[in-house]
Amino acid sequence: MIEELRELTGIGLAAAEYPMDITQNNDVFVEVSGMLKALAVNLMKISNDLRLMNSGPYGGFGEISLAALQTGSTIMPGKTNPVIPEMVMQVSMKVMSNDFLISTAAAHGEFELNAFLPVIADSLLESLTLLEHAVVLFRTKCIERIQANKERCQSLLFSSYAFATAYITKLGYDKVSQLITSYGENIEELKKALDKEFLS
């Protein structure tokens, strides 16, 4: 049977080294679901980063522009919703929920009965299907269409204290922090003060 399945699927299937384990436990499903959950967590993080970077263009970060796939908002005219990242986040939430369900169902396999295998299989297949479609849409409808807003990124960079970290090696963290506090939002004066301390 295993040889037939290997030939039909092209997958390197093999007999379990300890058959008792696979009839008693559902570890393999929990393990696969855990890997899918890890993917979902990363996809959610990336999606949320893109939503924040796309926010604006005037009242948010505005560092990038996502493709305008759905213009308009229920309460904000002219707004373009980041629908693809939001879709990916919802898929990620569902996959993470399915992972909890799979783990719980696998834990209730009392006395090798494993009565909850149907819900494990259904949830795992759902997670695989959702992620497969979501990743393709994310790449083609969002990632490949991102446009960087160079001027906005430069403006945010030059109006931040990020440049001050270069002075830490000579002046020390506390001194640089003190100067930042002293000059507040006056970036130009802060730069002059840092240069003066650096050269002295």
C-alpha atoms as a PDB file:
ATOM      1  CA  MET A   1       0.000   0.000   0.000  1.00  0.00           C
ATOM      2  CA  ILE A   2       2.792   2.445   0.932  1.00  0.00           C
ATOM      3  CA  GLU A   3       4.661   1.715  -2.313  1.00  0.00           C
ATOM      4  CA  GLU A   4       1.468   2.288  -4.314  1.00  0.00           C
ATOM      5  CA  LEU A   5       0.812   5.593  -2.533  1.00  0.00           C
ATOM      6  CA  ARG A   6       4.412   6.686  -3.045  1.00  0.00           C
ATOM      7  CA  GLU A   7       4.153   5.994  -6.756  1.00  0.00           C
ATOM      8  CA  LEU A   8       0.763   7.723  -7.116  1.00  0.00           C
ATOM      9  CA  THR A   9       1.632  10.834  -5.121  1.00  0.00           C
ATOM     10  CA  GLY A  10       5.352  11.232  -5.794  1.00  0.00           C
ATOM     11  CA  ILE A  11       5.796  11.823  -2.052  1.00  0.00           C
ATOM     12  CA  GLY A  12       8.460   9.910  -0.164  1.00  0.00           C
ATOM     13  CA  LEU A  13       6.036   8.115   2.136  1.00  0.00           C
ATOM     14  CA  ALA A  14       7.330   5.498   4.548  1.00  0.00           C
ATOM     15  CA  ALA A  15       5.898   3.148   7.137  1.00  0.00           C
ATOM     16  CA  ALA A  16       5.913   4.375  10.730  1.00  0.00           C
ATOM     17  CA  GLU A  17       8.840   3.076  12.755  1.00  0.00           C
ATOM     18  CA  TYR A  18       6.522   2.601  15.712  1.00  0.00           C
ATOM     19  CA  PRO A  19       2.948   1.969  14.441  1.00  0.00           C
ATOM     20  CA  MET A  20       1.543   2.076  17.972  1.00  0.00           C
ATOM     21  CA  ASP A  21       2.395   5.768  18.243  1.00  0.00           C
ATOM     22  CA  ILE A  22       0.431   6.870  15.176  1.00  0.00           C
ATOM     23  CA  THR A  23      -2.684   5.014  16.332  1.00  0.00           C
ATOM     24  CA  GLN A  24      -2.395   6.414  19.847  1.00  0.00           C
ATOM     25  CA  ASN A  25      -1.366  10.026  19.194  1.00  0.00           C
ATOM     26  CA  ASN A  26      -2.115  12.776  16.700  1.00  0.00           C
ATOM     27  CA  ASP A  27       1.237  14.505  17.108  1.00  0.00           C
ATOM     28  CA  VAL A  28       1.871  14.772  13.380  1.00  0.00           C
ATOM     29  CA  PHE A  29      -1.244  16.894  12.847  1.00  0.00           C
ATOM     30  CA  VAL A  30      -0.373  19.122  15.791  1.00  0.00           C
ATOM     31  CA  GLU A  31       3.153  19.551  14.438  1.00  0.00           C
ATOM     32  CA  VAL A  32       2.009  20.495  10.933  1.00  0.00           C
ATOM     33  CA  SER A  33      -0.619  22.844  12.339  1.00  0.00           C
ATOM     34  CA  GLY A  34       2.053  24.469  14.498  1.00  0.00           C
ATOM     35  CA  MET A  35       4.152  25.200  11.418  1.00  0.00           C
ATOM     36  CA  LEU A  36       1.113  26.702   9.688  1.00  0.00           C
ATOM     37  CA  LYS A  37       0.457  28.829  12.764  1.00  0.00           C
ATOM     38  CA  ALA A  38       4.044  30.104  12.688  1.00  0.00           C
ATOM     39  CA  LEU A  39       3.516  31.106   9.047  1.00  0.00           C
ATOM     40  CA  ALA A  40       0.240  32.804   9.963  1.00  0.00           C
ATOM     41  CA  VAL A  41       1.922  34.761  12.763  1.00  0.00           C
ATOM     42  CA  ASN A  42       4.581  36.051  10.360  1.00  0.00           C
ATOM     43  CA  LEU A  43       2.012  36.916   7.697  1.00  0.00           C
ATOM     44  CA  MET A  44      -0.008  38.861  10.247  1.00  0.00           C
ATOM     45  CA  LYS A  45       3.062  40.782  11.390  1.00  0.00           C
ATOM     46  CA  ILE A  46       4.033  41.676   7.803  1.00  0.00           C
ATOM     47  CA  SER A  47       0.451  42.651   6.931  1.00  0.00           C
ATOM     48  CA  ASN A  48       0.140  44.924   9.930  1.00  0.00           C
ATOM     49  CA  ASP A  49       3.485  46.564   9.137  1.00  0.00           C
ATOM     50  CA  LEU A  50       2.238  47.307   5.618  1.00  0.00           C
ATOM     51  CA  ARG A  51      -1.067  48.703   6.913  1.00  0.00           C
ATOM     52  CA  LEU A  52       0.788  51.091   9.202  1.00  0.00           C
ATOM     53  CA  MET A  53       3.364  52.108   6.587  1.00  0.00           C
ATOM     54  CA  ASN A  54       0.510  52.745   4.125  1.00  0.00           C
ATOM     55  CA  SER A  55      -1.545  54.805   6.592  1.00  0.00           C
ATOM     56  CA  GLY A  56      -2.140  58.391   5.645  1.00  0.00           C
ATOM     57  CA  PRO A  57      -1.161  59.952   3.347  1.00  0.00           C
ATOM     58  CA  TYR A  58      -1.315  62.997   5.628  1.00  0.00           C
ATOM     59  CA  GLY A  59      -2.531  61.714   8.986  1.00  0.00           C
ATOM     60  CA  GLY A  60      -0.380  58.592   9.106  1.00  0.00           C
ATOM     61  CA  PHE A  61       3.044  57.245   8.178  1.00  0.00           C
ATOM     62  CA  GLY A  62       2.542  57.322   4.407  1.00  0.00           C
ATOM     63  CA  GLU A  63       5.878  55.607   3.735  1.00  0.00           C
ATOM     64  CA  ILE A  64       4.438  53.324   1.057  1.00  0.00           C
ATOM     65  CA  SER A  65       1.382  53.223  -1.189  1.00  0.00           C
ATOM     66  CA  LEU A  66      -0.566  50.011  -1.638  1.00  0.00           C
ATOM     67  CA  ALA A  67      -2.548  49.330  -4.791  1.00  0.00           C
ATOM     68  CA  ALA A  68      -6.006  50.930  -4.641  1.00  0.00           C
ATOM     69  CA  LEU A  69      -8.118  47.793  -4.920  1.00  0.00           C
ATOM     70  CA  GLN A  70     -11.066  49.133  -2.955  1.00  0.00           C
ATOM     71  CA  THR A  71     -11.442  52.871  -2.888  1.00  0.00           C
ATOM     72  CA  GLY A  72     -13.816  54.516  -0.493  1.00  0.00           C
ATOM     73  CA  SER A  73     -14.699  53.903   3.106  1.00  0.00           C
ATOM     74  CA  THR A  74     -17.962  53.727   5.024  1.00  0.00           C
ATOM     75  CA  ILE A  75     -17.121  56.920   6.940  1.00  0.00           C
ATOM     76  CA  MET A  76     -14.078  58.465   5.204  1.00  0.00           C
ATOM     77  CA  PRO A  77     -14.552  59.640   1.591  1.00  0.00           C
ATOM     78  CA  GLY A  78     -11.450  59.321  -0.568  1.00  0.00           C
ATOM     79  CA  LYS A  79      -9.822  56.728   1.674  1.00  0.00           C
ATOM     80  CA  THR A  80      -8.290  53.591   0.149  1.00  0.00           C
ATOM     81  CA  ASN A  81      -8.615  50.597   2.420  1.00  0.00           C
ATOM     82  CA  PRO A  82      -5.674  48.131   2.689  1.00  0.00           C
ATOM     83  CA  VAL A  83      -8.006  45.230   1.936  1.00  0.00           C
ATOM     84  CA  ILE A  84      -5.415  42.613   1.006  1.00  0.00           C
ATOM     85  CA  PRO A  85      -3.323  42.972   4.202  1.00  0.00           C
ATOM     86  CA  GLU A  86      -6.582  42.977   6.173  1.00  0.00           C
ATOM     87  CA  MET A  87      -7.687  39.805   4.399  1.00  0.00           C
ATOM     88  CA  VAL A  88      -4.347  38.135   5.160  1.00  0.00           C
ATOM     89  CA  MET A  89      -4.669  39.134   8.812  1.00  0.00           C
ATOM     90  CA  GLN A  90      -8.129  37.562   9.004  1.00  0.00           C
ATOM     91  CA  VAL A  91      -6.842  34.369   7.392  1.00  0.00           C
ATOM     92  CA  SER A  92      -4.006  34.354   9.920  1.00  0.00           C
ATOM     93  CA  MET A  93      -6.466  34.719  12.800  1.00  0.00           C
ATOM     94  CA  LYS A  94      -8.480  31.788  11.456  1.00  0.00           C
ATOM     95  CA  VAL A  95      -5.377  29.592  11.061  1.00  0.00           C
ATOM     96  CA  MET A  96      -4.232  30.428  14.602  1.00  0.00           C
ATOM     97  CA  SER A  97      -7.716  29.575  15.883  1.00  0.00           C
ATOM     98  CA  ASN A  98      -7.644  26.305  13.960  1.00  0.00           C
ATOM     99  CA  ASP A  99      -4.296  25.474  15.540  1.00  0.00           C
ATOM    100  CA  PHE A 100      -5.804  25.827  19.004  1.00  0.00           C
ATOM    101  CA  LEU A 101      -8.745  23.652  17.937  1.00  0.00           C
ATOM    102  CA  ILE A 102      -6.429  20.981  16.489  1.00  0.00           C
ATOM    103  CA  SER A 103      -4.263  20.963  19.610  1.00  0.00           C
ATOM    104  CA  THR A 104      -7.309  20.636  21.872  1.00  0.00           C
ATOM    105  CA  ALA A 105      -8.889  17.904  19.760  1.00  0.00           C
ATOM    106  CA  ALA A 106      -5.611  15.957  19.628  1.00  0.00           C
ATOM    107  CA  ALA A 107      -5.303  16.192  23.406  1.00  0.00           C
ATOM    108  CA  HIS A 108      -8.681  14.464  23.716  1.00  0.00           C
ATOM    109  CA  GLY A 109      -7.674  11.210  22.090  1.00  0.00           C
ATOM    110  CA  GLU A 110      -8.370   9.229  25.252  1.00  0.00           C
ATOM    111  CA  PHE A 111      -7.493   5.521  25.173  1.00  0.00           C
ATOM    112  CA  GLU A 112      -6.539   5.563  21.495  1.00  0.00           C
ATOM    113  CA  LEU A 113     -10.118   6.370  20.487  1.00  0.00           C
ATOM    114  CA  ASN A 114      -9.191   9.718  18.873  1.00  0.00           C
ATOM    115  CA  ALA A 115     -12.853  10.534  18.351  1.00  0.00           C
ATOM    116  CA  PHE A 116     -12.022  14.082  17.190  1.00  0.00           C
ATOM    117  CA  LEU A 117      -9.987  13.202  14.116  1.00  0.00           C
ATOM    118  CA  PRO A 118     -12.719  14.567  11.789  1.00  0.00           C
ATOM    119  CA  VAL A 119     -12.489  18.095  13.204  1.00  0.00           C
ATOM    120  CA  ILE A 120      -8.683  17.868  13.173  1.00  0.00           C
ATOM    121  CA  ALA A 121      -8.680  16.909   9.494  1.00  0.00           C
ATOM    122  CA  ASP A 122     -11.282  19.522   8.569  1.00  0.00           C
ATOM    123  CA  SER A 123      -9.424  22.322  10.390  1.00  0.00           C
ATOM    124  CA  LEU A 124      -6.025  21.355   9.026  1.00  0.00           C
ATOM    125  CA  LEU A 125      -7.284  21.189   5.446  1.00  0.00           C
ATOM    126  CA  GLU A 126      -9.042  24.528   5.901  1.00  0.00           C
ATOM    127  CA  SER A 127      -5.837  26.147   7.186  1.00  0.00           C
ATOM    128  CA  LEU A 128      -3.822  24.762   4.269  1.00  0.00           C
ATOM    129  CA  THR A 129      -6.375  25.949   1.712  1.00  0.00           C
ATOM    130  CA  LEU A 130      -6.772  29.419   3.235  1.00  0.00           C
ATOM    131  CA  LEU A 131      -3.025  30.011   3.485  1.00  0.00           C
ATOM    132  CA  GLU A 132      -2.388  28.734  -0.035  1.00  0.00           C
ATOM    133  CA  HIS A 133      -4.838  31.221  -1.543  1.00  0.00           C
ATOM    134  CA  ALA A 134      -3.972  34.074   0.819  1.00  0.00           C
ATOM    135  CA  VAL A 135      -0.239  33.903   0.126  1.00  0.00           C
ATOM    136  CA  VAL A 136      -0.769  34.019  -3.645  1.00  0.00           C
ATOM    137  CA  LEU A 137      -3.148  36.985  -3.397  1.00  0.00           C
ATOM    138  CA  PHE A 138      -0.846  38.747  -0.943  1.00  0.00           C
ATOM    139  CA  ARG A 139       2.073  38.466  -3.350  1.00  0.00           C
ATOM    140  CA  THR A 140       0.253  39.334  -6.577  1.00  0.00           C
ATOM    141  CA  LYS A 141      -2.262  41.945  -5.356  1.00  0.00           C
ATOM    142  CA  CYS A 142      -0.178  43.635  -2.654  1.00  0.00           C
ATOM    143  CA  ILE A 143       3.559  42.926  -2.377  1.00  0.00           C
ATOM    144  CA  GLU A 144       4.356  43.193  -6.091  1.00  0.00           C
ATOM    145  CA  ARG A 145       2.402  46.473  -6.362  1.00  0.00           C
ATOM    146  CA  ILE A 146       3.890  48.359  -3.405  1.00  0.00           C
ATOM    147  CA  GLN A 147       5.273  51.787  -4.227  1.00  0.00           C
ATOM    148  CA  ALA A 148       7.706  53.479  -1.869  1.00  0.00           C
ATOM    149  CA  ASN A 149       7.121  57.150  -1.114  1.00  0.00           C
ATOM    150  CA  LYS A 150      10.750  58.282  -1.154  1.00  0.00           C
ATOM    151  CA  GLU A 151      10.154  61.921  -0.226  1.00  0.00           C
ATOM    152  CA  ARG A 152       7.946  61.000   2.726  1.00  0.00           C
ATOM    153  CA  CYS A 153      10.469  58.433   4.005  1.00  0.00           C
ATOM    154  CA  GLN A 154      13.281  60.993   3.781  1.00  0.00           C
ATOM    155  CA  SER A 155      11.178  63.604   5.540  1.00  0.00           C
ATOM    156  CA  LEU A 156      10.391  61.243   8.413  1.00  0.00           C
ATOM    157  CA  LEU A 157      14.017  60.143   8.665  1.00  0.00           C
ATOM    158  CA  PHE A 158      15.413  63.668   8.731  1.00  0.00           C
ATOM    159  CA  SER A 159      12.879  64.783  11.334  1.00  0.00           C
ATOM    160  CA  SER A 160      13.701  61.918  13.709  1.00  0.00           C
ATOM    161  CA  TYR A 161      16.472  61.332  16.232  1.00  0.00           C
ATOM    162  CA  ALA A 162      17.757  58.266  14.358  1.00  0.00           C
ATOM    163  CA  PHE A 163      20.930  60.093  13.284  1.00  0.00           C
ATOM    164  CA  ALA A 164      21.859  60.666  16.938  1.00  0.00           C
ATOM    165  CA  THR A 165      22.714  56.988  17.450  1.00  0.00           C
ATOM    166  CA  ALA A 166      25.921  57.550  15.458  1.00  0.00           C
ATOM    167  CA  TYR A 167      27.234  59.751  18.272  1.00  0.00           C
ATOM    168  CA  ILE A 168      26.729  57.188  21.043  1.00  0.00           C
ATOM    169  CA  THR A 169      30.067  55.412  20.537  1.00  0.00           C
ATOM    170  CA  LYS A 170      32.031  58.561  21.427  1.00  0.00           C
ATOM    171  CA  LEU A 171      29.639  60.580  23.610  1.00  0.00           C
ATOM    172  CA  GLY A 172      27.867  57.722  25.356  1.00  0.00           C
ATOM    173  CA  TYR A 173      24.178  56.864  25.511  1.00  0.00           C
ATOM    174  CA  ASP A 174      23.404  59.081  28.520  1.00  0.00           C
ATOM    175  CA  LYS A 175      25.017  62.201  27.023  1.00  0.00           C
ATOM    176  CA  VAL A 176      23.233  61.810  23.688  1.00  0.00           C
ATOM    177  CA  SER A 177      19.944  61.201  25.491  1.00  0.00           C
ATOM    178  CA  GLN A 178      20.498  64.330  27.606  1.00  0.00           C
ATOM    179  CA  LEU A 179      21.109  66.467  24.504  1.00  0.00           C
ATOM    180  CA  ILE A 180      18.005  65.097  22.787  1.00  0.00           C
ATOM    181  CA  THR A 181      15.952  65.988  25.858  1.00  0.00           C
ATOM    182  CA  SER A 182      17.476  69.476  25.994  1.00  0.00           C
ATOM    183  CA  TYR A 183      16.760  70.407  22.386  1.00  0.00           C
ATOM    184  CA  GLY A 184      13.402  68.664  22.023  1.00  0.00           C
ATOM    185  CA  GLU A 185      12.078  68.934  18.483  1.00  0.00           C
ATOM    186  CA  ASN A 186      14.706  71.435  17.291  1.00  0.00           C
ATOM    187  CA  ILE A 187      16.587  68.982  15.102  1.00  0.00           C
ATOM    188  CA  GLU A 188      19.001  71.509  13.607  1.00  0.00           C
ATOM    189  CA  GLU A 189      20.105  72.791  17.017  1.00  0.00           C
ATOM    190  CA  LEU A 190      20.443  69.220  18.252  1.00  0.00           C
ATOM    191  CA  LYS A 191      22.741  68.392  15.326  1.00  0.00           C
ATOM    192  CA  LYS A 192      24.917  71.414  16.099  1.00  0.00           C
ATOM    193  CA  ALA A 193      25.137  70.494  19.789  1.00  0.00           C
ATOM    194  CA  LEU A 194      26.042  66.887  19.005  1.00  0.00           C
ATOM    195  CA  ASP A 195      28.726  67.971  16.528  1.00  0.00           C
ATOM    196  CA  LYS A 196      30.153  70.428  19.057  1.00  0.00           C
ATOM    197  CA  GLU A 197      30.367  67.752  21.753  1.00  0.00           C
ATOM    198  CA  PHE A 198      31.751  65.252  19.271  1.00  0.00           C
ATOM    199  CA  LEU A 199      34.584  67.576  18.162  1.00  0.00           C
ATOM    200  CA  SER A 200      35.479  68.803  21.641  1.00  0.00           C
END
